[in-house]
């Protein structure tokens, strides 16, 4: 699904008022159902800290890179950190530990990426995934996780959260501030922020100026600015980019900012499973332009293996502008585990 333009804050208050008016009752109902589910569910307490990396809107804002950073960082500290994902798009309902034998069709694309940083459990029921992570399903609790890092799940009430980090796109903010389908939100802004301990504000570039309106909305929560930075070299020559992520244009714009000679860009729906015919067409189009195909790490795992050798990958990782503040936010959890 591609986000309609009237969800964007640049257009949300002026454009498509009729569509918003028609969809607003559905948005009100969606928000009420979410609120009731959260209010009436008793969360499972795994007995260890749970860090939730979530967002208030549908679509990609950079949750998975943040989760990957935390998983890798805590693991380097000697902490048994385990990722937890619902495995969107995968056929495994779980709980299942992601292994090298799995593909995105089994566990989803995001767990495949996270598993490069540490252990990751996939479970449609997050509570069952948390039980598996701590060893409660096997009885070997001493072999289980010391910290669970949940990728997405701000609106999921099944697991008790110790720390809720809300990732917010600095460019879009909360869009037109309406609940799906009238807007991009999963719940009203104030409701989402009310269950948030700190905000990760994802900027397109380090020098991007965040609007005062958005900063005012986030008060008095701690805000840590961050951005995605590439850690691989761009191929030389013409590039033909394609991406099936929450906001493909973010990837295309980042390539251009990095100096890429981008001859064409092809967006696909989020989590799109590329077919042989898609790849044959892309390869032919790139050859016509004498260009190299390039995509994201998340897209690469969804490309049929026989075609992966024809595609370059431009990997990115999250960089925090104030790691000291982030460490202070994480300190109580780290201290509790290490004592």
C-alpha atoms as a PDB file:
ATOM      1  CA  UNK A   1       0.000   0.000   0.000  1.00  0.00           C
ATOM      2  CA  UNK A   2       1.262   3.457  -0.898  1.00  0.00           C
ATOM      3  CA  UNK A   3       0.312   6.337   1.396  1.00  0.00           C
ATOM      4  CA  UNK A   4      -2.152   8.768  -0.229  1.00  0.00           C
ATOM      5  CA  UNK A   5      -0.964  12.356  -0.541  1.00  0.00           C
ATOM      6  CA  UNK A   6      -3.671  13.716   1.751  1.00  0.00           C
ATOM      7  CA  UNK A   7      -2.077  11.819   4.664  1.00  0.00           C
ATOM      8  CA  UNK A   8       0.972  14.043   4.358  1.00  0.00           C
ATOM      9  CA  UNK A   9       1.102  17.084   6.652  1.00  0.00           C
ATOM     10  CA  UNK A  10       1.940  19.273   3.638  1.00  0.00           C
ATOM     11  CA  UNK A  11      -1.433  18.541   2.128  1.00  0.00           C
ATOM     12  CA  UNK A  12      -3.488  17.166   4.978  1.00  0.00           C
ATOM     13  CA  UNK A  13      -5.217  20.365   6.050  1.00  0.00           C
ATOM     14  CA  UNK A  14      -6.023  21.671   2.572  1.00  0.00           C
ATOM     15  CA  UNK A  15      -6.398  18.824   0.081  1.00  0.00           C
ATOM     16  CA  UNK A  16      -9.044  16.115  -0.276  1.00  0.00           C
ATOM     17  CA  UNK A  17     -11.370  17.390   2.480  1.00  0.00           C
ATOM     18  CA  UNK A  18     -14.229  15.278   1.104  1.00  0.00           C
ATOM     19  CA  UNK A  19     -12.196  12.057   1.298  1.00  0.00           C
ATOM     20  CA  UNK A  20     -11.074  12.880   4.828  1.00  0.00           C
ATOM     21  CA  UNK A  21     -14.643  13.629   5.882  1.00  0.00           C
ATOM     22  CA  UNK A  22     -15.914  10.342   4.485  1.00  0.00           C
ATOM     23  CA  UNK A  23     -13.106   8.310   6.074  1.00  0.00           C
ATOM     24  CA  UNK A  24     -13.026  10.085   9.449  1.00  0.00           C
ATOM     25  CA  UNK A  25     -15.773   7.922  11.058  1.00  0.00           C
ATOM     26  CA  UNK A  26     -13.766   4.824  10.142  1.00  0.00           C
ATOM     27  CA  UNK A  27     -10.694   6.446  11.678  1.00  0.00           C
ATOM     28  CA  UNK A  28     -12.633   7.205  14.866  1.00  0.00           C
ATOM     29  CA  UNK A  29     -13.764   3.575  15.043  1.00  0.00           C
ATOM     30  CA  UNK A  30     -10.236   2.268  14.362  1.00  0.00           C
ATOM     31  CA  UNK A  31      -8.869   4.422  17.176  1.00  0.00           C
ATOM     32  CA  UNK A  32     -11.590   3.310  19.592  1.00  0.00           C
ATOM     33  CA  UNK A  33     -10.962  -0.375  18.853  1.00  0.00           C
ATOM     34  CA  UNK A  34      -7.220   0.094  19.427  1.00  0.00           C
ATOM     35  CA  UNK A  35      -7.804   1.972  22.696  1.00  0.00           C
ATOM     36  CA  UNK A  36     -10.224  -0.660  23.974  1.00  0.00           C
ATOM     37  CA  UNK A  37      -7.838  -3.497  23.134  1.00  0.00           C
ATOM     38  CA  UNK A  38      -5.029  -1.792  25.060  1.00  0.00           C
ATOM     39  CA  UNK A  39      -7.268  -0.946  28.026  1.00  0.00           C
ATOM     40  CA  UNK A  40      -8.797  -4.411  28.411  1.00  0.00           C
ATOM     41  CA  UNK A  41      -5.697  -6.589  27.884  1.00  0.00           C
ATOM     42  CA  UNK A  42      -3.561  -7.796  30.762  1.00  0.00           C
ATOM     43  CA  UNK A  43       0.016  -7.875  29.426  1.00  0.00           C
ATOM     44  CA  UNK A  44       2.349 -10.793  30.018  1.00  0.00           C
ATOM     45  CA  UNK A  45       5.304  -9.891  32.242  1.00  0.00           C
ATOM     46  CA  UNK A  46       8.367 -11.865  31.104  1.00  0.00           C
ATOM     47  CA  UNK A  47      10.270 -10.856  34.249  1.00  0.00           C
ATOM     48  CA  UNK A  48      13.006  -9.065  32.283  1.00  0.00           C
ATOM     49  CA  UNK A  49      13.191  -5.594  30.721  1.00  0.00           C
ATOM     50  CA  UNK A  50      11.319  -5.121  27.436  1.00  0.00           C
ATOM     51  CA  UNK A  51      12.305  -2.258  25.141  1.00  0.00           C
ATOM     52  CA  UNK A  52       9.642  -1.497  22.540  1.00  0.00           C
ATOM     53  CA  UNK A  53      10.672   0.372  19.382  1.00  0.00           C
ATOM     54  CA  UNK A  54       7.420   1.513  17.834  1.00  0.00           C
ATOM     55  CA  UNK A  55       5.656   4.298  15.999  1.00  0.00           C
ATOM     56  CA  UNK A  56       2.320   6.046  15.893  1.00  0.00           C
ATOM     57  CA  UNK A  57       1.723   5.685  12.165  1.00  0.00           C
ATOM     58  CA  UNK A  58       1.522   3.012   9.496  1.00  0.00           C
ATOM     59  CA  UNK A  59       4.459   2.665   7.118  1.00  0.00           C
ATOM     60  CA  UNK A  60       8.189   2.867   7.602  1.00  0.00           C
ATOM     61  CA  UNK A  61       9.847   5.455   9.828  1.00  0.00           C
ATOM     62  CA  UNK A  62      13.099   3.649  10.686  1.00  0.00           C
ATOM     63  CA  UNK A  63      12.065   1.323  13.536  1.00  0.00           C
ATOM     64  CA  UNK A  64      14.050  -1.679  12.325  1.00  0.00           C
ATOM     65  CA  UNK A  65      17.436   0.127  12.096  1.00  0.00           C
ATOM     66  CA  UNK A  66      16.890   1.429  15.638  1.00  0.00           C
ATOM     67  CA  UNK A  67      16.027  -2.072  16.840  1.00  0.00           C
ATOM     68  CA  UNK A  68      19.125  -3.440  15.078  1.00  0.00           C
ATOM     69  CA  UNK A  69      21.306  -0.807  16.770  1.00  0.00           C
ATOM     70  CA  UNK A  70      19.977  -1.651  20.225  1.00  0.00           C
ATOM     71  CA  UNK A  71      20.279  -5.396  19.645  1.00  0.00           C
ATOM     72  CA  UNK A  72      23.875  -5.080  18.501  1.00  0.00           C
ATOM     73  CA  UNK A  73      24.876  -2.539  21.168  1.00  0.00           C
ATOM     74  CA  UNK A  74      23.478  -4.473  24.119  1.00  0.00           C
ATOM     75  CA  UNK A  75      24.966  -7.713  22.819  1.00  0.00           C
ATOM     76  CA  UNK A  76      28.397  -6.056  22.657  1.00  0.00           C
ATOM     77  CA  UNK A  77      27.980  -5.101  26.322  1.00  0.00           C
ATOM     78  CA  UNK A  78      27.691  -8.768  27.185  1.00  0.00           C
ATOM     79  CA  UNK A  79      23.923  -8.614  27.680  1.00  0.00           C
ATOM     80  CA  UNK A  80      21.749 -11.432  26.339  1.00  0.00           C
ATOM     81  CA  UNK A  81      19.574  -9.203  24.176  1.00  0.00           C
ATOM     82  CA  UNK A  82      16.949 -10.859  21.976  1.00  0.00           C
ATOM     83  CA  UNK A  83      14.852  -9.312  19.231  1.00  0.00           C
ATOM     84  CA  UNK A  84      11.103  -9.952  19.007  1.00  0.00           C
ATOM     85  CA  UNK A  85       9.064  -9.428  15.849  1.00  0.00           C
ATOM     86  CA  UNK A  86       5.668 -10.488  14.586  1.00  0.00           C
ATOM     87  CA  UNK A  87       7.329 -11.380  11.266  1.00  0.00           C
ATOM     88  CA  UNK A  88       5.047  -9.386   8.996  1.00  0.00           C
ATOM     89  CA  UNK A  89       4.494 -11.191   5.684  1.00  0.00           C
ATOM     90  CA  UNK A  90       6.002 -14.473   6.866  1.00  0.00           C
ATOM     91  CA  UNK A  91       4.080 -17.744   7.040  1.00  0.00           C
ATOM     92  CA  UNK A  92       5.557 -18.831  10.393  1.00  0.00           C
ATOM     93  CA  UNK A  93       3.178 -18.001  13.238  1.00  0.00           C
ATOM     94  CA  UNK A  94       5.795 -19.004  15.784  1.00  0.00           C
ATOM     95  CA  UNK A  95       7.226 -18.698  18.196  1.00  0.00           C
ATOM     96  CA  UNK A  96      10.261 -19.586  16.100  1.00  0.00           C
ATOM     97  CA  UNK A  97      13.913 -18.569  16.398  1.00  0.00           C
ATOM     98  CA  UNK A  98      15.187 -17.118  13.127  1.00  0.00           C
ATOM     99  CA  UNK A  99      17.915 -19.294  11.604  1.00  0.00           C
ATOM    100  CA  UNK A 100      20.003 -19.297   8.432  1.00  0.00           C
ATOM    101  CA  UNK A 101      17.634 -21.784   6.787  1.00  0.00           C
ATOM    102  CA  UNK A 102      14.759 -19.296   6.909  1.00  0.00           C
ATOM    103  CA  UNK A 103      13.733 -16.949   4.109  1.00  0.00           C
ATOM    104  CA  UNK A 104      11.592 -13.823   4.163  1.00  0.00           C
ATOM    105  CA  UNK A 105       8.664 -16.020   3.112  1.00  0.00           C
ATOM    106  CA  UNK A 106       9.048 -17.888   6.398  1.00  0.00           C
ATOM    107  CA  UNK A 107       9.676 -15.095   8.888  1.00  0.00           C
ATOM    108  CA  UNK A 108       9.366 -11.753   7.040  1.00  0.00           C
ATOM    109  CA  UNK A 109      12.059  -9.408   5.772  1.00  0.00           C
ATOM    110  CA  UNK A 110      12.710  -7.383   8.935  1.00  0.00           C
ATOM    111  CA  UNK A 111      13.560 -10.380  11.168  1.00  0.00           C
ATOM    112  CA  UNK A 112      15.991 -11.556   8.467  1.00  0.00           C
ATOM    113  CA  UNK A 113      17.893  -8.275   8.811  1.00  0.00           C
ATOM    114  CA  UNK A 114      17.729  -8.210  12.609  1.00  0.00           C
ATOM    115  CA  UNK A 115      19.064 -11.761  12.844  1.00  0.00           C
ATOM    116  CA  UNK A 116      22.376 -10.462  11.471  1.00  0.00           C
ATOM    117  CA  UNK A 117      22.781  -8.538  14.741  1.00  0.00           C
ATOM    118  CA  UNK A 118      21.672 -11.159  17.241  1.00  0.00           C
ATOM    119  CA  UNK A 119      19.042 -13.699  18.209  1.00  0.00           C
ATOM    120  CA  UNK A 120      15.525 -12.941  16.984  1.00  0.00           C
ATOM    121  CA  UNK A 121      12.239 -14.620  17.802  1.00  0.00           C
ATOM    122  CA  UNK A 122       9.243 -14.344  15.498  1.00  0.00           C
ATOM    123  CA  UNK A 123       5.758 -14.813  16.866  1.00  0.00           C
ATOM    124  CA  UNK A 124       2.315 -13.678  15.770  1.00  0.00           C
ATOM    125  CA  UNK A 125       1.431 -13.560  19.469  1.00  0.00           C
ATOM    126  CA  UNK A 126       4.020 -11.301  21.065  1.00  0.00           C
ATOM    127  CA  UNK A 127       3.359 -12.794  24.499  1.00  0.00           C
ATOM    128  CA  UNK A 128       4.225 -16.273  23.227  1.00  0.00           C
ATOM    129  CA  UNK A 129       7.340 -14.828  21.595  1.00  0.00           C
ATOM    130  CA  UNK A 130       8.370 -13.261  24.908  1.00  0.00           C
ATOM    131  CA  UNK A 131       7.791 -16.563  26.722  1.00  0.00           C
ATOM    132  CA  UNK A 132      10.028 -18.301  24.191  1.00  0.00           C
ATOM    133  CA  UNK A 133      12.708 -15.610  24.512  1.00  0.00           C
ATOM    134  CA  UNK A 134      13.018 -16.063  28.291  1.00  0.00           C
ATOM    135  CA  UNK A 135      12.848 -19.852  28.063  1.00  0.00           C
ATOM    136  CA  UNK A 136       9.454 -20.090  29.754  1.00  0.00           C
ATOM    137  CA  UNK A 137       8.172 -22.491  27.088  1.00  0.00           C
ATOM    138  CA  UNK A 138      11.056 -24.925  27.604  1.00  0.00           C
ATOM    139  CA  UNK A 139      11.683 -24.498  31.314  1.00  0.00           C
ATOM    140  CA  UNK A 140      15.293 -23.430  30.767  1.00  0.00           C
ATOM    141  CA  UNK A 141      14.867 -19.841  31.948  1.00  0.00           C
ATOM    142  CA  UNK A 142      18.559 -19.545  32.837  1.00  0.00           C
ATOM    143  CA  UNK A 143      19.388 -19.908  29.152  1.00  0.00           C
ATOM    144  CA  UNK A 144      16.964 -17.217  28.016  1.00  0.00           C
ATOM    145  CA  UNK A 145      17.140 -13.528  27.227  1.00  0.00           C
ATOM    146  CA  UNK A 146      18.096 -10.820  29.677  1.00  0.00           C
ATOM    147  CA  UNK A 147      16.502  -8.036  27.595  1.00  0.00           C
ATOM    148  CA  UNK A 148      13.829  -8.227  24.895  1.00  0.00           C
ATOM    149  CA  UNK A 149      13.842  -5.622  22.125  1.00  0.00           C
ATOM    150  CA  UNK A 150      10.500  -5.552  20.375  1.00  0.00           C
ATOM    151  CA  UNK A 151      10.460  -4.303  16.794  1.00  0.00           C
ATOM    152  CA  UNK A 152       7.116  -2.492  16.453  1.00  0.00           C
ATOM    153  CA  UNK A 153       4.365  -3.074  18.982  1.00  0.00           C
ATOM    154  CA  UNK A 154       3.597   0.343  20.487  1.00  0.00           C
ATOM    155  CA  UNK A 155      -0.094  -0.489  20.070  1.00  0.00           C
ATOM    156  CA  UNK A 156       0.339  -4.151  21.031  1.00  0.00           C
ATOM    157  CA  UNK A 157      -0.701  -4.723  24.669  1.00  0.00           C
ATOM    158  CA  UNK A 158       0.260  -8.396  24.999  1.00  0.00           C
ATOM    159  CA  UNK A 159       3.688  -7.828  26.599  1.00  0.00           C
ATOM    160  CA  UNK A 160       4.528  -5.528  29.515  1.00  0.00           C
ATOM    161  CA  UNK A 161       6.952  -2.836  28.332  1.00  0.00           C
ATOM    162  CA  UNK A 162       9.738  -1.398  30.449  1.00  0.00           C
ATOM    163  CA  UNK A 163      10.773   1.304  27.982  1.00  0.00           C
ATOM    164  CA  UNK A 164       8.732   2.557  25.029  1.00  0.00           C
ATOM    165  CA  UNK A 165      10.668   4.381  22.313  1.00  0.00           C
ATOM    166  CA  UNK A 166       8.546   6.070  19.663  1.00  0.00           C
ATOM    167  CA  UNK A 167      10.246   6.610  16.296  1.00  0.00           C
ATOM    168  CA  UNK A 168       8.950   9.715  14.500  1.00  0.00           C
ATOM    169  CA  UNK A 169       9.776  10.864  10.967  1.00  0.00           C
ATOM    170  CA  UNK A 170      11.040  14.450  11.250  1.00  0.00           C
ATOM    171  CA  UNK A 171       9.793  15.362   7.769  1.00  0.00           C
ATOM    172  CA  UNK A 172       6.275  13.960   8.008  1.00  0.00           C
ATOM    173  CA  UNK A 173       5.736  14.122  11.743  1.00  0.00           C
ATOM    174  CA  UNK A 174       2.256  12.803  12.456  1.00  0.00           C
ATOM    175  CA  UNK A 175       0.956  13.603   8.973  1.00  0.00           C
ATOM    176  CA  UNK A 176      -2.495  15.141   8.913  1.00  0.00           C
ATOM    177  CA  UNK A 177      -2.935  13.886  12.504  1.00  0.00           C
ATOM    178  CA  UNK A 178      -5.898  11.695  11.614  1.00  0.00           C
ATOM    179  CA  UNK A 179      -6.355   8.035  12.389  1.00  0.00           C
ATOM    180  CA  UNK A 180      -6.264   5.419   9.619  1.00  0.00           C
ATOM    181  CA  UNK A 181      -7.787   5.390   7.016  1.00  0.00           C
ATOM    182  CA  UNK A 182      -8.440   9.147   7.160  1.00  0.00           C
ATOM    183  CA  UNK A 183      -4.757   9.623   7.963  1.00  0.00           C
ATOM    184  CA  UNK A 184      -1.593   7.648   8.721  1.00  0.00           C
ATOM    185  CA  UNK A 185      -2.044   7.262  12.484  1.00  0.00           C
ATOM    186  CA  UNK A 186      -2.750   4.032  14.333  1.00  0.00           C
ATOM    187  CA  UNK A 187      -4.130   6.045  17.228  1.00  0.00           C
ATOM    188  CA  UNK A 188      -4.456   9.737  18.174  1.00  0.00           C
ATOM    189  CA  UNK A 189      -1.198  11.626  18.719  1.00  0.00           C
ATOM    190  CA  UNK A 190      -1.779  12.406  22.407  1.00  0.00           C
ATOM    191  CA  UNK A 191      -2.709   8.804  23.129  1.00  0.00           C
ATOM    192  CA  UNK A 192       0.447   7.471  21.472  1.00  0.00           C
ATOM    193  CA  UNK A 193       2.689  10.004  23.216  1.00  0.00           C
ATOM    194  CA  UNK A 194       1.008   9.283  26.533  1.00  0.00           C
ATOM    195  CA  UNK A 195       2.514   5.774  26.543  1.00  0.00           C
ATOM    196  CA  UNK A 196       5.927   6.941  25.289  1.00  0.00           C
ATOM    197  CA  UNK A 197       9.067   7.256  27.424  1.00  0.00           C
ATOM    198  CA  UNK A 198      11.315   8.845  24.774  1.00  0.00           C
ATOM    199  CA  UNK A 199      11.209   9.810  21.098  1.00  0.00           C
ATOM    200  CA  UNK A 200      13.708   8.903  18.397  1.00  0.00           C
ATOM    201  CA  UNK A 201      13.347  11.701  15.841  1.00  0.00           C
ATOM    202  CA  UNK A 202      14.492  10.357  12.483  1.00  0.00           C
ATOM    203  CA  UNK A 203      15.845  13.142  10.253  1.00  0.00           C
ATOM    204  CA  UNK A 204      16.672  12.821   6.523  1.00  0.00           C
ATOM    205  CA  UNK A 205      20.033  14.546   7.072  1.00  0.00           C
ATOM    206  CA  UNK A 206      21.963  15.691  10.166  1.00  0.00           C
ATOM    207  CA  UNK A 207      21.410  19.376   9.313  1.00  0.00           C
ATOM    208  CA  UNK A 208      17.655  19.076   8.683  1.00  0.00           C
ATOM    209  CA  UNK A 209      15.675  21.737  10.572  1.00  0.00           C
ATOM    210  CA  UNK A 210      12.800  20.181  12.462  1.00  0.00           C
ATOM    211  CA  UNK A 211       9.618  22.248  12.589  1.00  0.00           C
ATOM    212  CA  UNK A 212       8.871  24.038  15.842  1.00  0.00           C
ATOM    213  CA  UNK A 213       5.325  22.689  15.654  1.00  0.00           C
ATOM    214  CA  UNK A 214       6.543  19.071  15.792  1.00  0.00           C
ATOM    215  CA  UNK A 215       9.041  19.799  18.571  1.00  0.00           C
ATOM    216  CA  UNK A 216       6.250  21.434  20.575  1.00  0.00           C
ATOM    217  CA  UNK A 217       4.075  18.333  20.103  1.00  0.00           C
ATOM    218  CA  UNK A 218       6.806  16.109  21.538  1.00  0.00           C
ATOM    219  CA  UNK A 219       7.293  18.104  24.749  1.00  0.00           C
ATOM    220  CA  UNK A 220       8.096  17.252  27.522  1.00  0.00           C
ATOM    221  CA  UNK A 221       9.395  13.869  26.346  1.00  0.00           C
ATOM    222  CA  UNK A 222      13.150  13.332  25.879  1.00  0.00           C
ATOM    223  CA  UNK A 223      13.973  13.545  22.160  1.00  0.00           C
ATOM    224  CA  UNK A 224      17.020  11.966  20.551  1.00  0.00           C
ATOM    225  CA  UNK A 225      17.673  13.025  16.961  1.00  0.00           C
ATOM    226  CA  UNK A 226      18.993  10.422  14.546  1.00  0.00           C
ATOM    227  CA  UNK A 227      19.463   9.766  10.840  1.00  0.00           C
ATOM    228  CA  UNK A 228      20.247   6.852   8.569  1.00  0.00           C
ATOM    229  CA  UNK A 229      23.772   6.874   7.202  1.00  0.00           C
ATOM    230  CA  UNK A 230      25.219   4.556   4.529  1.00  0.00           C
ATOM    231  CA  UNK A 231      28.145   2.343   5.458  1.00  0.00           C
ATOM    232  CA  UNK A 232      28.822   0.996   1.976  1.00  0.00           C
ATOM    233  CA  UNK A 233      30.257   2.582  -1.154  1.00  0.00           C
ATOM    234  CA  UNK A 234      27.977   3.574  -3.991  1.00  0.00           C
ATOM    235  CA  UNK A 235      28.691   1.775  -7.275  1.00  0.00           C
ATOM    236  CA  UNK A 236      30.278   4.017  -9.872  1.00  0.00           C
ATOM    237  CA  UNK A 237      28.273   4.972 -12.926  1.00  0.00           C
ATOM    238  CA  UNK A 238      24.562   5.204 -13.653  1.00  0.00           C
ATOM    239  CA  UNK A 239      22.148   3.673 -11.151  1.00  0.00           C
ATOM    240  CA  UNK A 240      18.617   2.341 -11.552  1.00  0.00           C
ATOM    241  CA  UNK A 241      17.040   2.253  -8.088  1.00  0.00           C
ATOM    242  CA  UNK A 242      14.028   0.328  -6.880  1.00  0.00           C
ATOM    243  CA  UNK A 243      12.532  -0.155  -3.423  1.00  0.00           C
ATOM    244  CA  UNK A 244       9.486  -1.635  -1.742  1.00  0.00           C
ATOM    245  CA  UNK A 245       9.633   0.013   1.679  1.00  0.00           C
ATOM    246  CA  UNK A 246       7.317   2.301   3.626  1.00  0.00           C
ATOM    247  CA  UNK A 247       8.548   5.413   1.852  1.00  0.00           C
ATOM    248  CA  UNK A 248      10.616   4.486  -1.237  1.00  0.00           C
ATOM    249  CA  UNK A 249      11.308   8.132  -2.062  1.00  0.00           C
ATOM    250  CA  UNK A 250      13.396   8.426   1.107  1.00  0.00           C
ATOM    251  CA  UNK A 251      15.773   5.853  -0.355  1.00  0.00           C
ATOM    252  CA  UNK A 252      15.847   7.525  -3.763  1.00  0.00           C
ATOM    253  CA  UNK A 253      16.435  10.971  -2.257  1.00  0.00           C
ATOM    254  CA  UNK A 254      19.229   9.597  -0.060  1.00  0.00           C
ATOM    255  CA  UNK A 255      20.973   8.167  -3.123  1.00  0.00           C
ATOM    256  CA  UNK A 256      20.825  11.540  -4.860  1.00  0.00           C
ATOM    257  CA  UNK A 257      22.149  13.347  -1.772  1.00  0.00           C
ATOM    258  CA  UNK A 258      25.037  10.881  -1.703  1.00  0.00           C
ATOM    259  CA  UNK A 259      25.966  11.881  -5.243  1.00  0.00           C
ATOM    260  CA  UNK A 260      24.454   8.969  -7.165  1.00  0.00           C
ATOM    261  CA  UNK A 261      23.828   9.348 -10.886  1.00  0.00           C
ATOM    262  CA  UNK A 262      20.260   8.125 -10.641  1.00  0.00           C
ATOM    263  CA  UNK A 263      18.723   7.553 -14.085  1.00  0.00           C
ATOM    264  CA  UNK A 264      15.474   6.005 -12.882  1.00  0.00           C
ATOM    265  CA  UNK A 265      13.649   5.029  -9.699  1.00  0.00           C
ATOM    266  CA  UNK A 266      10.909   2.436  -9.346  1.00  0.00           C
ATOM    267  CA  UNK A 267       8.778   2.279  -6.174  1.00  0.00           C
ATOM    268  CA  UNK A 268       6.961  -0.866  -5.053  1.00  0.00           C
ATOM    269  CA  UNK A 269       4.514  -1.504  -2.188  1.00  0.00           C
ATOM    270  CA  UNK A 270       5.967  -2.025   1.278  1.00  0.00           C
ATOM    271  CA  UNK A 271       7.219  -5.606   1.884  1.00  0.00           C
ATOM    272  CA  UNK A 272       6.716  -6.419  -1.807  1.00  0.00           C
ATOM    273  CA  UNK A 273       7.736  -9.968  -2.744  1.00  0.00           C
ATOM    274  CA  UNK A 274       9.620  -9.639  -6.028  1.00  0.00           C
ATOM    275  CA  UNK A 275       8.781 -12.154  -8.724  1.00  0.00           C
ATOM    276  CA  UNK A 276      11.033 -13.495 -11.470  1.00  0.00           C
ATOM    277  CA  UNK A 277       9.136 -11.384 -14.007  1.00  0.00           C
ATOM    278  CA  UNK A 278       9.719  -8.223 -11.933  1.00  0.00           C
ATOM    279  CA  UNK A 279      13.442  -8.832 -11.830  1.00  0.00           C
ATOM    280  CA  UNK A 280      13.700  -9.692 -15.532  1.00  0.00           C
ATOM    281  CA  UNK A 281      11.933  -6.442 -16.373  1.00  0.00           C
ATOM    282  CA  UNK A 282      14.152  -4.416 -14.038  1.00  0.00           C
ATOM    283  CA  UNK A 283      17.313  -5.990 -15.442  1.00  0.00           C
ATOM    284  CA  UNK A 284      16.194  -5.233 -19.007  1.00  0.00           C
ATOM    285  CA  UNK A 285      15.301  -1.629 -18.154  1.00  0.00           C
ATOM    286  CA  UNK A 286      18.606  -1.069 -16.382  1.00  0.00           C
ATOM    287  CA  UNK A 287      20.516  -2.466 -19.357  1.00  0.00           C
ATOM    288  CA  UNK A 288      18.697  -0.079 -21.690  1.00  0.00           C
ATOM    289  CA  UNK A 289      20.000   2.792 -19.562  1.00  0.00           C
ATOM    290  CA  UNK A 290      23.415   1.145 -19.141  1.00  0.00           C
ATOM    291  CA  UNK A 291      22.817   1.355 -15.405  1.00  0.00           C
ATOM    292  CA  UNK A 292      23.381  -0.795 -12.331  1.00  0.00           C
ATOM    293  CA  UNK A 293      20.363  -1.947 -10.350  1.00  0.00           C
ATOM    294  CA  UNK A 294      20.481  -0.865  -6.718  1.00  0.00           C
ATOM    295  CA  UNK A 295      18.134  -1.375  -3.770  1.00  0.00           C
ATOM    296  CA  UNK A 296      17.916  -1.529   0.032  1.00  0.00           C
ATOM    297  CA  UNK A 297      19.005  -4.372   2.315  1.00  0.00           C
ATOM    298  CA  UNK A 298      15.380  -4.948   3.220  1.00  0.00           C
ATOM    299  CA  UNK A 299      14.434  -5.338  -0.448  1.00  0.00           C
ATOM    300  CA  UNK A 300      17.431  -7.514  -1.252  1.00  0.00           C
ATOM    301  CA  UNK A 301      16.237 -10.373   0.982  1.00  0.00           C
ATOM    302  CA  UNK A 302      12.953 -10.409  -0.972  1.00  0.00           C
ATOM    303  CA  UNK A 303      14.638 -10.851  -4.356  1.00  0.00           C
ATOM    304  CA  UNK A 304      14.681 -14.411  -5.789  1.00  0.00           C
ATOM    305  CA  UNK A 305      18.178 -15.787  -5.126  1.00  0.00           C
ATOM    306  CA  UNK A 306      18.941 -16.339  -8.799  1.00  0.00           C
ATOM    307  CA  UNK A 307      18.633 -12.604  -9.456  1.00  0.00           C
ATOM    308  CA  UNK A 308      20.437 -11.212  -6.399  1.00  0.00           C
ATOM    309  CA  UNK A 309      23.809 -11.226  -8.192  1.00  0.00           C
ATOM    310  CA  UNK A 310      22.420  -8.636 -10.622  1.00  0.00           C
ATOM    311  CA  UNK A 311      21.570  -6.130  -7.878  1.00  0.00           C
ATOM    312  CA  UNK A 312      23.781  -3.864  -5.778  1.00  0.00           C
ATOM    313  CA  UNK A 313      22.827  -3.110  -2.173  1.00  0.00           C
ATOM    314  CA  UNK A 314      23.242   0.200  -0.379  1.00  0.00           C
ATOM    315  CA  UNK A 315      23.183  -0.613   3.341  1.00  0.00           C
ATOM    316  CA  UNK A 316      22.430   2.023   5.973  1.00  0.00           C
ATOM    317  CA  UNK A 317      22.621   2.167   9.765  1.00  0.00           C
ATOM    318  CA  UNK A 318      21.148   4.558  12.284  1.00  0.00           C
ATOM    319  CA  UNK A 319      23.386   7.239  13.758  1.00  0.00           C
ATOM    320  CA  UNK A 320      22.339   9.111  16.877  1.00  0.00           C
ATOM    321  CA  UNK A 321      23.281  12.762  17.211  1.00  0.00           C
ATOM    322  CA  UNK A 322      23.301  12.572  21.006  1.00  0.00           C
ATOM    323  CA  UNK A 323      24.347   9.102  22.104  1.00  0.00           C
ATOM    324  CA  UNK A 324      24.880  10.327  25.663  1.00  0.00           C
ATOM    325  CA  UNK A 325      21.169  11.095  26.068  1.00  0.00           C
ATOM    326  CA  UNK A 326      20.287   7.720  24.577  1.00  0.00           C
ATOM    327  CA  UNK A 327      22.653   6.001  27.026  1.00  0.00           C
ATOM    328  CA  UNK A 328      21.004   7.847  29.915  1.00  0.00           C
ATOM    329  CA  UNK A 329      17.608   6.612  28.735  1.00  0.00           C
ATOM    330  CA  UNK A 330      18.901   3.037  28.517  1.00  0.00           C
ATOM    331  CA  UNK A 331      20.976   3.197  31.718  1.00  0.00           C
ATOM    332  CA  UNK A 332      18.320   1.921  34.179  1.00  0.00           C
ATOM    333  CA  UNK A 333      17.809  -1.190  32.042  1.00  0.00           C
ATOM    334  CA  UNK A 334      21.526  -1.818  31.533  1.00  0.00           C
ATOM    335  CA  UNK A 335      22.227  -1.286  35.240  1.00  0.00           C
ATOM    336  CA  UNK A 336      19.393  -3.602  36.284  1.00  0.00           C
ATOM    337  CA  UNK A 337      20.669  -6.415  34.069  1.00  0.00           C
ATOM    338  CA  UNK A 338      24.301  -6.067  35.113  1.00  0.00           C
ATOM    339  CA  UNK A 339      23.681  -5.981  38.868  1.00  0.00           C
END
